[in-house]
Amino acid sequence: MIGRGLEGLQAASIERGPLHAMDQTPKPGSLIVEMRNVTKDFPGVRALSGVDFQLRSGGELRGLVGKNGAGKSTLMNVLTGVFPPESGEIRIQGRSFARLTTTISRQLGIACVHQHSQLVPSLSIAENVFCGSLPVTRLGLVDWGSVYSQTAQRLGSMGLDIEVRRKVEGLSVAERQIIEIAKALFAEARIIILDEATAPLPKNEVEMLFGFVRRQRDQGAAFVYISHYLEEIFELCETVTVMKDGRNIGDYVVSDLTQAELIRLISGAEVERFRHETRSRAGDVLLEVRGLDRPGYYEGLSLTLQRAEIVGLTGLEGCGKDSLARALFGMEPRGTGQVTLEGRPYHAGSPREALNRGVAYLPRDRHGHGIIGLRSVRENVTLPILSRLANILGFVSRRREQALVRDLIQKLNIVTPSMMQAVQFLSGGNQQKVVFAKLASVEPKVLFLDEPTQGVDVQAKTEILKIIDQLSREQGVAVVVISEEIRELLDICDRILVMFKGRIIREFPAHDPQTTVESILHAVEGTAAE
């Protein structure tokens, strides 16, 4: 058993056998991972409470599901040695450990791909893939030829044709995640954890990943697949473990369940489907774009946004939708063309200028650009408006700041022990709500949301859609929702614009009976519906 508290944890030891416990291939069907009665505490919250978890050798593909904050990622972080548990027992292929560390976990053949990239931006793709295990020549020098050739070969086997000398800092979120996955899957791991690994990926690249995962499974690797996309659980996994409030509430065979039954197990009740009520488009024009051109990104773009309108923007990865939002927010060059905001010329050379004019943006990469995990909820929410909260002496009025944050926590139903809680300890759904609170504090006129429900559970998605509707309806904000989740766009938008190869090629009224998921997907792929 593992001793209680950090002071009770001693250096890692294995009851018997060498450290490389995964060197010998286990018998198919035997327990390769066994966690018993695992408990883990964080400040103000018990994240895991007596959790049992098992994974079998021979290629088991087990889903791990639950609401944000249910304890899924925490349990896997205990398995990979990131967090020491307060109590419990961990057995890897029959061997018991006093404590797992990240090094020992890696040596045992356990790898984890996280939702948010862990790559080093300043290094090349090849250097990241081989980070920590660079091949050397007989003289002890790095064999760069082997580094580049082996990386290209490995990525090529996944169907990826990419220049391996490129720096990671120049890659998109999707490209970074693909490299992260490749790095883990080619590390000769026998236990691979995919923690929301597909969340940043475009739909056409998810199937490529699934194909590779199945091939690795057929070769004996066991997988734990954490995802809020339940359709992916049914497509990929044979078994599933459901967690709720830090406990394992059951292990199931996926083929024995329906998606509705799995949702009820996760949430404890039916989850309502939110549908935005389309309003009249007779409102004032807030933002107007005319003939916007940026070679390689988009061309001839024209669109209008009206007050209190919710517009969906969708298309394949690289179609230009993400670049358009970042350019209008001042994060990237805008190109040529005319843009007006409330009838006045608009150009933002930086995000600060955009915020000052009333244009806000929620990035897809929440951890990279949306929140500061080490800082409190209060600090994250008021960061963009500190000057507005200053008194006549230039000091921030804590009374006004706390009143504002308290009001937003209540309105957006942010679950946190206090406004002083570090955001990194909140669930993914509540982290996303903190970003919404930050944007709401700016009181924007136009709001761009890039994949706003990415990586959150079914219930949190519904709550986020309600928040978007509330910002539009009560504050008159013109909202652009950038997403590949077509069903969600149909639920929340007044109309949906489809981009293809840098152009807006179709517009769909969201609540028109003729507008279907299929008709939008045909436009997304650049084909006419039959």
Protein backbone atom coordinates (compact mmCIF):
# COMPACT_ATOMS: atom_id res chain seq x y z
CA MET A 1 0.00 0.00 0.00
CA ILE A 2 1.06 3.58 -0.61
CA GLY A 3 1.63 5.60 2.55
CA ARG A 4 -0.57 8.62 3.36
CA GLY A 5 0.76 12.10 2.63
CA LEU A 6 3.89 13.23 0.88
CA GLU A 7 5.95 12.57 3.98
CA GLY A 8 4.97 8.91 3.82
CA LEU A 9 6.11 8.46 0.27
CA GLN A 10 9.56 6.99 -0.12
CA ALA A 11 11.68 6.36 -3.16
CA ALA A 12 10.05 4.16 -5.76
CA SER A 13 10.62 0.47 -5.30
CA ILE A 14 9.37 -2.67 -6.98
CA GLU A 15 8.65 -5.78 -5.01
CA ARG A 16 10.46 -8.03 -7.42
CA GLY A 17 12.09 -8.06 -10.83
CA PRO A 18 13.92 -5.40 -12.81
CA LEU A 19 12.63 -1.87 -13.36
CA HIS A 20 11.72 -2.53 -16.98
CA ALA A 21 8.70 -4.56 -15.97
CA MET A 22 7.15 -4.29 -19.43
CA ASP A 23 10.08 -5.89 -21.24
CA GLN A 24 8.38 -9.30 -21.12
CA THR A 25 5.16 -9.50 -23.10
CA PRO A 26 2.26 -10.22 -20.71
CA LYS A 27 -0.28 -12.92 -21.42
CA PRO A 28 -3.22 -11.61 -23.48
CA GLY A 29 -6.15 -10.82 -21.22
CA SER A 30 -4.11 -10.59 -18.02
CA LEU A 31 -4.26 -7.44 -15.89
CA ILE A 32 -1.58 -5.05 -17.05
CA VAL A 33 -2.77 -2.16 -14.82
CA GLU A 34 -4.56 -2.54 -11.52
CA MET A 35 -5.34 0.47 -9.32
CA ARG A 36 -7.09 -0.20 -6.03
CA ASN A 37 -8.78 2.24 -3.65
CA VAL A 38 -6.80 5.24 -4.97
CA THR A 39 -7.44 8.58 -3.22
CA LYS A 40 -6.11 12.00 -4.22
CA ASP A 41 -6.71 15.44 -2.68
CA PHE A 42 -6.19 18.95 -4.03
CA PRO A 43 -6.66 22.23 -2.11
CA GLY A 44 -10.31 22.36 -1.10
CA VAL A 45 -11.42 19.27 -3.04
CA ARG A 46 -11.11 15.46 -2.98
CA ALA A 47 -10.41 14.62 -6.63
CA LEU A 48 -10.34 10.81 -6.24
CA SER A 49 -12.15 8.83 -3.58
CA GLY A 50 -11.34 5.12 -3.38
CA VAL A 51 -11.10 4.56 -7.14
CA ASP A 52 -10.51 1.11 -8.66
CA PHE A 53 -9.35 0.84 -12.27
CA GLN A 54 -8.16 -2.03 -14.45
CA LEU A 55 -6.68 -2.42 -17.92
CA ARG A 56 -5.96 -5.74 -19.62
CA SER A 57 -3.07 -6.69 -21.86
CA GLY A 58 -3.38 -7.96 -25.40
CA GLY A 59 -4.80 -4.79 -26.89
CA GLU A 60 -7.70 -3.67 -24.68
CA LEU A 61 -9.06 -0.32 -25.79
CA ARG A 62 -10.84 1.09 -22.73
CA GLY A 63 -12.76 4.35 -22.70
CA LEU A 64 -12.69 6.56 -19.61
CA VAL A 65 -15.59 9.01 -19.41
CA GLY A 66 -17.24 11.40 -16.99
CA LYS A 67 -18.12 15.04 -16.53
CA ASN A 68 -15.41 17.68 -16.17
CA GLY A 69 -14.03 17.32 -12.66
CA ALA A 70 -15.05 13.65 -12.37
CA GLY A 71 -11.39 12.67 -11.82
CA LYS A 72 -10.46 11.03 -15.15
CA SER A 73 -7.29 12.99 -15.86
CA THR A 74 -6.29 12.96 -12.19
CA LEU A 75 -6.49 9.17 -12.11
CA MET A 76 -4.28 8.91 -15.18
CA ASN A 77 -1.86 11.46 -13.71
CA VAL A 78 -1.49 9.16 -10.71
CA LEU A 79 -0.79 6.27 -13.08
CA THR A 80 1.86 8.24 -14.98
CA GLY A 81 3.53 9.48 -11.79
CA VAL A 82 2.59 13.14 -12.15
CA PHE A 83 0.58 13.14 -8.88
CA PRO A 84 1.31 11.00 -5.81
CA PRO A 85 -1.90 9.59 -4.28
CA GLU A 86 -2.79 10.00 -0.62
CA SER A 87 -3.55 6.29 -0.38
CA GLY A 88 -4.22 3.24 -2.51
CA GLU A 89 -2.33 0.53 -4.36
CA ILE A 90 -0.95 0.56 -7.90
CA ARG A 91 0.11 -2.66 -9.62
CA ILE A 92 1.68 -2.75 -13.09
CA GLN A 93 1.73 -6.25 -14.57
CA GLY A 94 1.48 -7.79 -11.11
CA ARG A 95 4.22 -5.66 -9.53
CA SER A 96 3.37 -3.28 -6.69
CA PHE A 97 4.92 0.17 -6.24
CA ALA A 98 5.42 2.38 -3.22
CA ARG A 99 5.36 5.31 -5.63
CA LEU A 100 5.32 5.88 -9.36
CA THR A 101 7.33 8.73 -10.83
CA THR A 102 7.16 10.02 -14.39
CA THR A 103 10.54 8.39 -15.11
CA ILE A 104 9.54 4.98 -13.79
CA SER A 105 6.17 5.18 -15.54
CA ARG A 106 7.91 5.92 -18.83
CA GLN A 107 10.37 3.06 -18.29
CA LEU A 108 7.44 0.74 -17.67
CA GLY A 109 6.11 1.61 -21.11
CA ILE A 110 3.34 4.03 -20.09
CA ALA A 111 2.84 7.05 -22.36
CA CYS A 112 0.28 9.84 -22.27
CA VAL A 113 -0.90 12.23 -24.96
CA HIS A 114 -2.61 15.26 -23.42
CA GLN A 115 -5.22 17.57 -24.89
CA HIS A 116 -2.78 20.46 -24.69
CA SER A 117 0.58 20.10 -26.37
CA GLN A 118 3.65 19.41 -24.25
CA LEU A 119 6.10 20.05 -27.11
CA VAL A 120 9.01 22.51 -26.92
CA PRO A 121 8.09 25.34 -29.34
CA SER A 122 11.67 26.44 -30.05
CA LEU A 123 12.78 22.95 -31.18
CA SER A 124 12.14 21.30 -34.54
CA ILE A 125 9.58 18.55 -35.08
CA ALA A 126 12.34 15.93 -35.26
CA GLU A 127 14.01 17.19 -32.07
CA ASN A 128 10.68 16.99 -30.23
CA VAL A 129 9.98 13.47 -31.44
CA PHE A 130 13.40 12.28 -30.22
CA CYS A 131 13.59 14.58 -27.18
CA GLY A 132 15.44 12.74 -24.40
CA SER A 133 16.60 9.92 -26.66
CA LEU A 134 18.60 11.50 -29.49
CA PRO A 135 20.66 8.87 -31.39
CA VAL A 136 24.41 9.40 -31.34
CA THR A 137 27.33 8.41 -33.52
CA ARG A 138 30.31 6.30 -32.39
CA LEU A 139 32.01 9.59 -31.45
CA GLY A 140 29.20 10.51 -29.10
CA LEU A 141 27.79 13.26 -31.34
CA VAL A 142 24.12 13.58 -32.22
CA ASP A 143 23.36 11.66 -35.42
CA TRP A 144 21.24 14.37 -37.02
CA GLY A 145 20.87 12.45 -40.27
CA SER A 146 19.28 9.58 -38.39
CA VAL A 147 17.11 11.98 -36.35
CA TYR A 148 15.60 13.57 -39.45
CA SER A 149 15.30 10.41 -41.56
CA GLN A 150 13.70 8.32 -38.79
CA THR A 151 11.26 11.11 -37.91
CA ALA A 152 10.20 11.49 -41.54
CA GLN A 153 9.78 7.71 -41.81
CA ARG A 154 7.72 7.50 -38.63
CA LEU A 155 5.43 10.37 -39.56
CA GLY A 156 5.15 9.02 -43.09
CA SER A 157 3.82 5.73 -41.73
CA MET A 158 0.96 7.78 -40.23
CA GLY A 159 0.25 9.33 -43.61
CA LEU A 160 1.87 12.65 -42.66
CA ASP A 161 3.96 14.47 -45.24
CA ILE A 162 5.58 17.28 -43.25
CA GLU A 163 9.00 18.94 -43.13
CA VAL A 164 10.53 17.54 -39.94
CA ARG A 165 13.04 20.42 -39.62
CA ARG A 166 10.24 22.94 -39.08
CA LYS A 167 10.06 24.61 -35.67
CA VAL A 168 7.06 23.60 -33.57
CA GLU A 169 6.33 27.26 -32.77
CA GLY A 170 5.26 27.71 -36.39
CA LEU A 171 2.73 24.86 -36.33
CA SER A 172 -1.01 25.12 -35.84
CA VAL A 173 -2.70 23.58 -32.78
CA ALA A 174 -3.81 20.61 -34.89
CA GLU A 175 -0.31 20.05 -36.29
CA ARG A 176 1.23 20.20 -32.82
CA GLN A 177 -1.22 17.61 -31.53
CA ILE A 178 -0.45 15.24 -34.39
CA ILE A 179 3.27 15.45 -33.59
CA GLU A 180 2.49 14.89 -29.90
CA ILE A 181 0.53 11.75 -30.76
CA ALA A 182 3.25 10.48 -33.08
CA LYS A 183 5.89 10.99 -30.40
CA ALA A 184 3.94 8.94 -27.85
CA LEU A 185 2.81 6.17 -30.16
CA PHE A 186 6.33 5.55 -31.46
CA ALA A 187 7.89 5.43 -27.98
CA GLU A 188 7.43 1.63 -27.82
CA ALA A 189 4.86 2.07 -25.08
CA ARG A 190 2.64 -0.84 -24.08
CA ILE A 191 0.12 1.34 -22.22
CA ILE A 192 -0.96 4.49 -24.04
CA ILE A 193 -3.28 7.09 -22.53
CA LEU A 194 -5.03 9.46 -24.92
CA ASP A 195 -6.44 12.33 -22.82
CA GLU A 196 -8.82 14.28 -25.09
CA ALA A 197 -6.20 13.80 -27.78
CA THR A 198 -8.63 14.44 -30.64
CA ALA A 199 -10.12 17.65 -29.20
CA PRO A 200 -7.85 20.03 -31.19
CA LEU A 201 -7.95 17.89 -34.35
CA PRO A 202 -10.07 18.55 -37.44
CA LYS A 203 -12.54 15.77 -38.20
CA ASN A 204 -10.72 14.51 -41.28
CA GLU A 205 -7.61 13.79 -39.18
CA VAL A 206 -9.41 11.95 -36.37
CA GLU A 207 -9.99 8.86 -38.51
CA MET A 208 -6.32 8.76 -39.43
CA LEU A 209 -5.45 8.69 -35.73
CA PHE A 210 -8.04 6.01 -35.02
CA GLY A 211 -6.60 3.81 -37.78
CA PHE A 212 -3.15 4.06 -36.26
CA VAL A 213 -4.47 3.35 -32.76
CA ARG A 214 -6.22 0.20 -34.00
CA ARG A 215 -3.02 -1.01 -35.67
CA GLN A 216 -1.08 -0.48 -32.44
CA ARG A 217 -3.80 -2.30 -30.52
CA ASP A 218 -3.57 -5.24 -32.92
CA GLN A 219 0.13 -5.41 -32.08
CA GLY A 220 -0.67 -5.74 -28.37
CA ALA A 221 -0.64 -2.18 -27.00
CA ALA A 222 -3.36 -1.38 -24.46
CA PHE A 223 -5.10 2.01 -24.61
CA VAL A 224 -7.02 4.24 -22.20
CA TYR A 225 -9.08 6.70 -24.22
CA ILE A 226 -10.45 9.75 -22.37
CA SER A 227 -12.97 11.74 -24.36
CA HIS A 228 -16.12 13.86 -24.09
CA TYR A 229 -16.98 12.94 -27.68
CA LEU A 230 -19.13 9.92 -26.87
CA GLU A 231 -19.56 8.95 -30.51
CA GLU A 232 -15.78 8.37 -30.55
CA ILE A 233 -16.08 6.04 -27.53
CA PHE A 234 -18.60 3.93 -29.44
CA GLU A 235 -16.50 3.98 -32.59
CA LEU A 236 -13.14 3.14 -31.02
CA CYS A 237 -13.51 1.41 -27.63
CA GLU A 238 -14.60 -2.07 -26.58
CA THR A 239 -14.98 -1.31 -22.85
CA VAL A 240 -15.64 1.87 -20.88
CA THR A 241 -15.20 3.04 -17.29
CA VAL A 242 -17.58 5.75 -16.06
CA MET A 243 -16.44 8.16 -13.34
CA LYS A 244 -18.54 10.60 -11.34
CA ASP A 245 -17.54 12.87 -8.44
CA GLY A 246 -14.14 11.22 -8.08
CA ARG A 247 -15.47 7.66 -8.01
CA ASN A 248 -15.65 4.75 -10.45
CA ILE A 249 -19.38 4.11 -10.80
CA GLY A 250 -19.06 1.19 -13.22
CA ASP A 251 -17.21 -0.70 -15.96
CA TYR A 252 -19.21 -1.60 -19.08
CA VAL A 253 -18.97 -3.32 -22.44
CA VAL A 254 -19.57 -0.55 -24.99
CA SER A 255 -21.69 -2.72 -27.27
CA ASP A 256 -24.13 -3.27 -24.36
CA LEU A 257 -24.86 0.49 -24.09
CA THR A 258 -26.59 3.15 -26.14
CA GLN A 259 -25.29 6.70 -26.26
CA ALA A 260 -28.34 7.91 -24.32
CA GLU A 261 -27.67 5.33 -21.58
CA LEU A 262 -24.02 6.39 -21.35
CA ILE A 263 -25.05 10.05 -21.04
CA ARG A 264 -27.41 9.15 -18.18
CA LEU A 265 -24.61 7.23 -16.43
CA ILE A 266 -22.26 10.20 -16.76
CA SER A 267 -24.73 12.91 -15.75
CA GLY A 268 -27.13 10.99 -13.54
CA ALA A 269 -30.06 12.35 -15.58
CA GLU A 270 -31.20 13.26 -19.07
CA VAL A 271 -29.21 16.21 -20.42
CA GLU A 272 -31.42 18.81 -22.04
CA ARG A 273 -30.65 19.90 -25.56
CA PHE A 274 -30.35 23.67 -25.82
CA ARG A 275 -31.83 25.33 -28.89
CA HIS A 276 -31.26 29.03 -29.55
CA GLU A 277 -34.37 30.89 -30.70
CA THR A 278 -33.66 32.70 -33.96
CA ARG A 279 -34.41 36.39 -33.69
CA SER A 280 -35.15 38.99 -36.35
CA ARG A 281 -32.09 40.15 -38.30
CA ALA A 282 -33.33 43.74 -38.37
CA GLY A 283 -30.72 44.86 -35.85
CA ASP A 284 -27.93 47.38 -36.40
CA VAL A 285 -24.92 46.27 -38.42
CA LEU A 286 -21.98 46.13 -36.00
CA LEU A 287 -19.15 44.72 -38.12
CA GLU A 288 -18.86 44.79 -41.89
CA VAL A 289 -16.07 43.18 -43.93
CA ARG A 290 -15.66 43.95 -47.62
CA GLY A 291 -13.22 42.32 -50.06
CA LEU A 292 -10.70 41.12 -47.47
CA ASP A 293 -7.65 39.51 -49.08
CA ARG A 294 -4.64 37.80 -47.53
CA PRO A 295 -2.78 35.56 -49.99
CA GLY A 296 -2.54 31.99 -48.75
CA TYR A 297 -5.24 32.48 -46.12
CA TYR A 298 -8.41 33.99 -47.61
CA GLU A 299 -9.56 36.08 -50.55
CA GLY A 300 -12.56 38.23 -51.44
CA LEU A 301 -14.16 37.79 -47.99
CA SER A 302 -17.29 39.83 -47.35
CA LEU A 303 -19.67 39.46 -44.42
CA THR A 304 -21.83 41.50 -42.04
CA LEU A 305 -22.59 40.92 -38.35
CA GLN A 306 -25.65 42.44 -36.74
CA ARG A 307 -26.23 43.31 -33.12
CA ALA A 308 -27.41 40.33 -31.01
CA GLU A 309 -26.82 37.92 -33.90
CA ILE A 310 -25.07 34.54 -33.56
CA VAL A 311 -23.28 33.43 -36.74
CA GLY A 312 -21.58 30.08 -37.25
CA LEU A 313 -18.38 29.83 -39.29
CA THR A 314 -17.23 26.37 -40.36
CA GLY A 315 -15.02 24.63 -42.89
CA LEU A 316 -12.12 22.23 -43.20
CA GLU A 317 -8.83 22.85 -41.40
CA GLY A 318 -6.91 25.53 -43.29
CA CYS A 319 -9.96 27.00 -45.00
CA GLY A 320 -9.21 30.40 -43.44
CA LYS A 321 -11.84 30.62 -40.70
CA ASP A 322 -9.37 30.63 -37.80
CA SER A 323 -7.00 33.07 -39.53
CA LEU A 324 -9.87 35.50 -40.18
CA ALA A 325 -10.80 35.64 -36.49
CA ARG A 326 -7.20 36.05 -35.34
CA ALA A 327 -6.59 38.78 -37.92
CA LEU A 328 -9.66 40.78 -36.87
CA PHE A 329 -8.50 40.45 -33.26
CA GLY A 330 -5.05 41.80 -34.11
CA MET A 331 -3.13 38.57 -33.60
CA GLU A 332 -2.17 38.19 -37.28
CA PRO A 333 -1.84 40.51 -40.31
CA ARG A 334 -5.25 41.33 -41.74
CA GLY A 335 -4.36 41.82 -45.39
CA THR A 336 -6.13 44.26 -47.70
CA GLY A 337 -9.79 45.21 -47.80
CA GLN A 338 -12.26 47.28 -45.81
CA VAL A 339 -13.56 46.59 -42.30
CA THR A 340 -15.92 48.86 -40.38
CA LEU A 341 -17.16 48.63 -36.80
CA GLU A 342 -20.37 50.57 -36.07
CA GLY A 343 -19.86 52.41 -39.34
CA ARG A 344 -16.30 53.55 -38.53
CA PRO A 345 -13.09 52.14 -40.10
CA TYR A 346 -11.70 49.34 -37.96
CA HIS A 347 -8.15 48.04 -37.82
CA ALA A 348 -6.54 46.37 -34.80
CA GLY A 349 -2.77 46.07 -34.80
CA SER A 350 -2.84 44.17 -31.50
CA PRO A 351 -5.32 42.37 -29.23
CA ARG A 352 -5.27 45.37 -26.87
CA GLU A 353 -6.44 47.65 -29.67
CA ALA A 354 -9.17 45.17 -30.57
CA LEU A 355 -10.39 44.95 -26.97
CA ASN A 356 -10.40 48.75 -26.69
CA ARG A 357 -12.67 48.89 -29.76
CA GLY A 358 -14.98 46.20 -28.37
CA VAL A 359 -13.80 43.13 -30.31
CA ALA A 360 -12.93 40.05 -28.21
CA TYR A 361 -11.71 36.56 -29.06
CA LEU A 362 -11.81 33.19 -27.29
CA PRO A 363 -8.92 31.10 -28.68
CA ARG A 364 -9.07 27.40 -29.44
CA ASP A 365 -5.89 26.90 -27.39
CA ARG A 366 -7.42 27.76 -24.00
CA HIS A 367 -4.28 26.91 -22.02
CA GLY A 368 -1.90 28.68 -24.37
CA HIS A 369 -3.83 31.93 -24.84
CA GLY A 370 -7.01 31.88 -22.74
CA ILE A 371 -6.03 31.41 -19.09
CA ILE A 372 -3.08 31.74 -16.73
CA GLY A 373 -3.37 28.49 -14.82
CA LEU A 374 -1.25 29.50 -11.83
CA ARG A 375 -3.30 32.66 -11.24
CA SER A 376 -6.62 32.86 -9.42
CA VAL A 377 -10.09 33.07 -10.94
CA ARG A 378 -10.23 36.73 -9.87
CA GLU A 379 -6.94 37.62 -11.52
CA ASN A 380 -7.84 35.85 -14.76
CA VAL A 381 -11.27 37.49 -15.05
CA THR A 382 -10.14 41.07 -14.47
CA LEU A 383 -6.78 40.96 -16.26
CA PRO A 384 -8.01 42.84 -19.39
CA ILE A 385 -9.81 45.59 -17.43
CA LEU A 386 -7.50 46.46 -14.54
CA SER A 387 -7.17 50.05 -15.74
CA ARG A 388 -10.96 50.37 -15.69
CA LEU A 389 -11.06 49.18 -12.07
CA ALA A 390 -8.40 51.66 -10.89
CA ASN A 391 -9.28 54.46 -8.49
CA ILE A 392 -8.17 58.08 -8.81
CA LEU A 393 -4.77 57.19 -7.35
CA GLY A 394 -4.20 54.49 -9.98
CA PHE A 395 -4.68 51.53 -7.62
CA VAL A 396 -7.08 48.71 -8.41
CA SER A 397 -10.23 48.91 -6.28
CA ARG A 398 -10.41 45.44 -4.72
CA ARG A 399 -14.00 46.07 -3.64
CA ARG A 400 -15.14 46.78 -7.21
CA GLU A 401 -13.00 43.96 -8.60
CA GLN A 402 -14.37 41.37 -6.18
CA ALA A 403 -17.96 42.52 -6.73
CA LEU A 404 -17.55 42.13 -10.51
CA VAL A 405 -15.95 38.68 -10.25
CA ARG A 406 -18.53 37.49 -7.71
CA ASP A 407 -21.33 38.58 -10.05
CA LEU A 408 -19.80 36.78 -13.06
CA ILE A 409 -19.16 33.59 -11.07
CA GLN A 410 -22.83 33.56 -10.14
CA LYS A 411 -24.16 34.44 -13.61
CA LEU A 412 -21.98 31.89 -15.43
CA ASN A 413 -22.35 29.22 -12.72
CA ILE A 414 -18.58 28.77 -12.29
CA VAL A 415 -17.96 25.99 -9.77
CA THR A 416 -14.97 27.03 -7.64
CA PRO A 417 -14.22 26.97 -3.89
CA SER A 418 -13.54 30.72 -4.09
CA MET A 419 -12.50 33.43 -6.50
CA MET A 420 -8.96 32.99 -5.15
CA GLN A 421 -8.69 29.39 -6.41
CA ALA A 422 -5.95 28.85 -9.02
CA VAL A 423 -7.64 28.21 -12.38
CA GLN A 424 -5.45 25.15 -13.09
CA PHE A 425 -7.30 23.26 -10.34
CA LEU A 426 -10.74 23.81 -11.92
CA SER A 427 -12.35 21.34 -14.29
CA GLY A 428 -12.05 21.93 -18.04
CA GLY A 429 -15.63 23.19 -18.28
CA ASN A 430 -15.13 25.67 -15.46
CA GLN A 431 -11.82 26.84 -16.94
CA GLN A 432 -13.71 27.58 -20.13
CA LYS A 433 -16.32 29.51 -18.15
CA VAL A 434 -13.55 31.58 -16.57
CA VAL A 435 -12.44 32.58 -20.08
CA PHE A 436 -16.04 33.55 -20.88
CA ALA A 437 -16.16 35.60 -17.67
CA LYS A 438 -12.96 37.39 -18.72
CA LEU A 439 -14.45 38.20 -22.11
CA ALA A 440 -17.78 39.28 -20.57
CA SER A 441 -15.94 41.67 -18.23
CA VAL A 442 -14.65 43.51 -21.30
CA GLU A 443 -18.28 44.11 -22.38
CA PRO A 444 -17.53 43.36 -26.05
CA LYS A 445 -19.61 44.41 -29.03
CA VAL A 446 -18.30 41.59 -31.26
CA LEU A 447 -17.12 38.24 -29.93
CA PHE A 448 -15.26 35.52 -31.86
CA LEU A 449 -15.36 32.06 -30.25
CA ASP A 450 -13.03 29.41 -31.67
CA GLU A 451 -14.31 25.91 -30.74
CA PRO A 452 -15.90 27.16 -27.48
CA THR A 453 -17.06 23.69 -26.30
CA GLN A 454 -13.85 21.84 -27.13
CA GLY A 455 -12.80 19.35 -24.45
CA VAL A 456 -15.80 19.77 -22.13
CA ASP A 457 -18.51 17.28 -21.17
CA VAL A 458 -22.05 17.09 -22.52
CA GLN A 459 -23.61 19.02 -19.65
CA ALA A 460 -20.93 21.72 -19.71
CA LYS A 461 -21.48 22.11 -23.46
CA THR A 462 -25.14 22.88 -22.84
CA GLU A 463 -24.21 25.44 -20.17
CA ILE A 464 -21.71 27.11 -22.52
CA LEU A 465 -24.29 27.33 -25.31
CA LYS A 466 -26.63 29.03 -22.84
CA ILE A 467 -23.90 31.53 -21.94
CA ILE A 468 -23.39 32.36 -25.63
CA ASP A 469 -27.12 32.88 -26.05
CA GLN A 470 -27.23 35.03 -22.93
CA LEU A 471 -24.39 37.30 -24.11
CA SER A 472 -26.17 37.80 -27.42
CA ARG A 473 -29.69 38.22 -26.07
CA GLU A 474 -29.05 40.31 -22.93
CA GLN A 475 -25.99 42.35 -23.95
CA GLY A 476 -26.61 42.60 -27.71
CA VAL A 477 -23.22 41.08 -28.55
CA ALA A 478 -22.69 39.92 -32.14
CA VAL A 479 -21.15 36.45 -31.78
CA VAL A 480 -19.22 34.39 -34.34
CA VAL A 481 -18.91 30.72 -33.35
CA ILE A 482 -16.07 29.00 -35.24
CA SER A 483 -16.55 25.25 -35.03
CA GLU A 484 -16.55 21.93 -36.85
CA GLU A 485 -19.35 20.66 -34.59
CA ILE A 486 -22.18 21.15 -37.09
CA ARG A 487 -24.95 19.99 -34.75
CA GLU A 488 -23.90 22.54 -32.14
CA LEU A 489 -23.87 25.29 -34.77
CA LEU A 490 -27.42 24.34 -35.76
CA ASP A 491 -28.45 24.57 -32.09
CA ILE A 492 -26.88 27.94 -31.26
CA CYS A 493 -26.69 29.99 -34.48
CA ASP A 494 -29.04 32.18 -36.49
CA ARG A 495 -27.15 31.40 -39.69
CA ILE A 496 -24.07 29.39 -40.68
CA LEU A 497 -21.37 30.44 -43.13
CA VAL A 498 -19.22 27.80 -44.84
CA MET A 499 -15.66 28.58 -45.91
CA PHE A 500 -13.78 26.59 -48.54
CA LYS A 501 -10.25 27.35 -49.74
CA GLY A 502 -10.27 30.88 -48.33
CA ARG A 503 -13.75 31.88 -49.55
CA ILE A 504 -17.23 31.98 -48.04
CA ILE A 505 -19.13 29.75 -50.45
CA ARG A 506 -22.50 29.13 -48.75
CA GLU A 507 -24.83 30.62 -46.15
CA PHE A 508 -27.41 28.46 -44.35
CA PRO A 509 -30.32 29.70 -42.18
CA ALA A 510 -29.76 27.55 -39.09
CA HIS A 511 -33.39 26.76 -38.31
CA ASP A 512 -34.59 26.25 -41.88
CA PRO A 513 -35.94 22.67 -42.27
CA GLN A 514 -33.87 22.40 -45.46
CA THR A 515 -30.67 23.04 -43.50
CA THR A 516 -29.28 19.71 -42.31
CA VAL A 517 -25.97 18.37 -41.08
CA GLU A 518 -25.59 16.57 -44.39
CA SER A 519 -26.21 19.66 -46.54
CA ILE A 520 -23.66 21.67 -44.55
CA LEU A 521 -21.08 18.87 -44.72
CA HIS A 522 -21.44 18.74 -48.50
CA ALA A 523 -20.65 22.46 -48.62
CA VAL A 524 -17.74 22.04 -46.19
CA GLU A 525 -16.22 19.46 -48.53
CA GLY A 526 -16.81 21.67 -51.56
CA THR A 527 -19.47 19.44 -53.14
CA ALA A 528 -23.13 20.07 -53.92
CA ALA A 529 -25.74 18.21 -51.91
CA GLU A 530 -27.60 15.54 -53.86
